[in-house]
Amino acid sequence: MQILSGVVQTLLTDLKSGNGDKDRRRQVEEWMRTLADKYPEFKIELGLRDYYLAEAERLRSDFDKATELSEKLVLGRNIESFLDRAAEYDRRVAAV
């Protein structure tokens, strides 16, 4: 259990800091979501919530740099999606 816990914590830290490309982060995110149900003692929900908030902040930075309206629209929708997921995990954590 301790070995897996360390792996999970490292991957959640990497997700939050934005390590790797988007596809790799999504793969890690998917695995973390499956592990969250299986190992509630790892507090993966908190890590995923923090990751979604960090990802929204990164996208907000991209939004500020964007010049085209269509690009801003896509980024805005993605930001909303990450914030919705963060709120969902925040509700899960609060319910426990």
Protein backbone atom coordinates (compact mmCIF):
# COMPACT_ATOMS: atom_id res chain seq x y z
CA MET A 1 0.00 0.00 0.00
CA GLN A 2 2.79 2.41 0.91
CA ILE A 3 4.52 1.85 -2.44
CA LEU A 4 1.34 2.61 -4.40
CA SER A 5 0.57 5.59 -2.19
CA GLY A 6 3.96 7.10 -3.06
CA VAL A 7 3.35 6.53 -6.76
CA VAL A 8 -0.06 8.20 -6.53
CA GLN A 9 1.28 11.22 -4.63
CA THR A 10 4.12 11.70 -7.12
CA LEU A 11 1.77 11.50 -10.10
CA LEU A 12 -0.72 13.91 -8.52
CA THR A 13 2.11 16.37 -7.85
CA ASP A 14 3.26 16.04 -11.46
CA LEU A 15 -0.29 16.62 -12.70
CA LYS A 16 -0.72 19.72 -10.59
CA SER A 17 2.59 21.18 -11.74
CA GLY A 18 1.72 20.52 -15.40
CA ASN A 19 4.50 18.03 -16.09
CA GLY A 20 4.25 16.15 -19.36
CA ASP A 21 2.12 16.88 -22.37
CA LYS A 22 -1.68 17.08 -22.33
CA ASP A 23 -2.17 13.51 -23.53
CA ARG A 24 0.05 12.06 -20.80
CA ARG A 25 -1.65 14.18 -18.14
CA ARG A 26 -5.02 12.94 -19.34
CA GLN A 27 -3.84 9.34 -19.11
CA VAL A 28 -2.64 9.90 -15.56
CA GLU A 29 -5.89 11.71 -14.73
CA GLU A 30 -7.97 8.78 -15.98
CA TRP A 31 -5.96 6.32 -13.91
CA MET A 32 -6.23 8.52 -10.83
CA ARG A 33 -10.02 8.67 -11.23
CA THR A 34 -10.22 4.87 -11.26
CA LEU A 35 -7.91 4.62 -8.26
CA ALA A 36 -9.91 7.24 -6.32
CA ASP A 37 -12.81 4.84 -5.97
CA LYS A 38 -10.60 1.88 -5.22
CA TYR A 39 -8.35 3.58 -2.64
CA PRO A 40 -10.26 6.36 -0.86
CA GLU A 41 -7.59 6.44 1.85
CA PHE A 42 -5.14 7.99 -0.65
CA LYS A 43 -7.22 11.19 -0.82
CA ILE A 44 -6.93 11.22 -4.60
CA GLU A 45 -10.04 13.40 -4.87
CA LEU A 46 -8.14 16.29 -3.26
CA GLY A 47 -5.27 15.84 -5.69
CA LEU A 48 -7.60 15.75 -8.68
CA ARG A 49 -9.42 18.86 -7.46
CA ASP A 50 -6.10 20.68 -7.13
CA TYR A 51 -5.04 19.47 -10.58
CA TYR A 52 -8.23 20.75 -12.20
CA LEU A 53 -7.80 24.15 -10.53
CA ALA A 54 -4.16 24.34 -11.63
CA GLU A 55 -5.10 23.36 -15.18
CA ALA A 56 -7.78 26.08 -15.24
CA GLU A 57 -5.18 28.61 -14.09
CA ARG A 58 -2.77 27.50 -16.86
CA LEU A 59 -5.54 27.85 -19.43
CA ARG A 60 -6.44 31.28 -18.05
CA SER A 61 -2.87 32.35 -18.73
CA ASP A 62 -3.23 31.06 -22.31
CA PHE A 63 -6.55 32.91 -22.58
CA ASP A 64 -4.86 36.17 -21.63
CA LYS A 65 -2.32 35.67 -24.41
CA ALA A 66 -4.87 34.66 -27.07
CA THR A 67 -5.76 37.19 -29.72
CA GLU A 68 -8.41 35.42 -31.78
CA LEU A 69 -11.98 35.30 -30.54
CA SER A 70 -12.44 31.66 -31.54
CA GLU A 71 -9.35 30.66 -29.57
CA LYS A 72 -10.60 32.59 -26.55
CA LEU A 73 -13.96 30.83 -26.80
CA VAL A 74 -12.35 27.39 -26.84
CA LEU A 75 -10.11 28.27 -23.92
CA GLY A 76 -13.02 29.74 -21.97
CA ARG A 77 -15.04 26.56 -22.43
CA ASN A 78 -12.08 24.44 -21.36
CA ILE A 79 -11.57 26.60 -18.28
CA GLU A 80 -15.23 26.14 -17.37
CA SER A 81 -14.93 22.39 -17.81
CA PHE A 82 -11.92 22.15 -15.49
CA LEU A 83 -13.62 24.35 -12.89
CA ASP A 84 -16.76 22.19 -13.06
CA ARG A 85 -14.67 19.08 -12.43
CA ALA A 86 -12.85 20.79 -9.56
CA ALA A 87 -16.18 21.74 -8.00
CA GLU A 88 -17.44 18.17 -8.37
CA TYR A 89 -14.44 16.79 -6.51
CA ASP A 90 -14.71 19.54 -3.91
CA ARG A 91 -18.31 18.45 -3.23
CA ARG A 92 -17.18 14.83 -2.94
CA VAL A 93 -14.50 15.76 -0.43
CA ALA A 94 -16.91 17.90 1.58
CA ALA A 95 -19.48 15.07 1.69
CA VAL A 96 -17.04 12.69 3.38
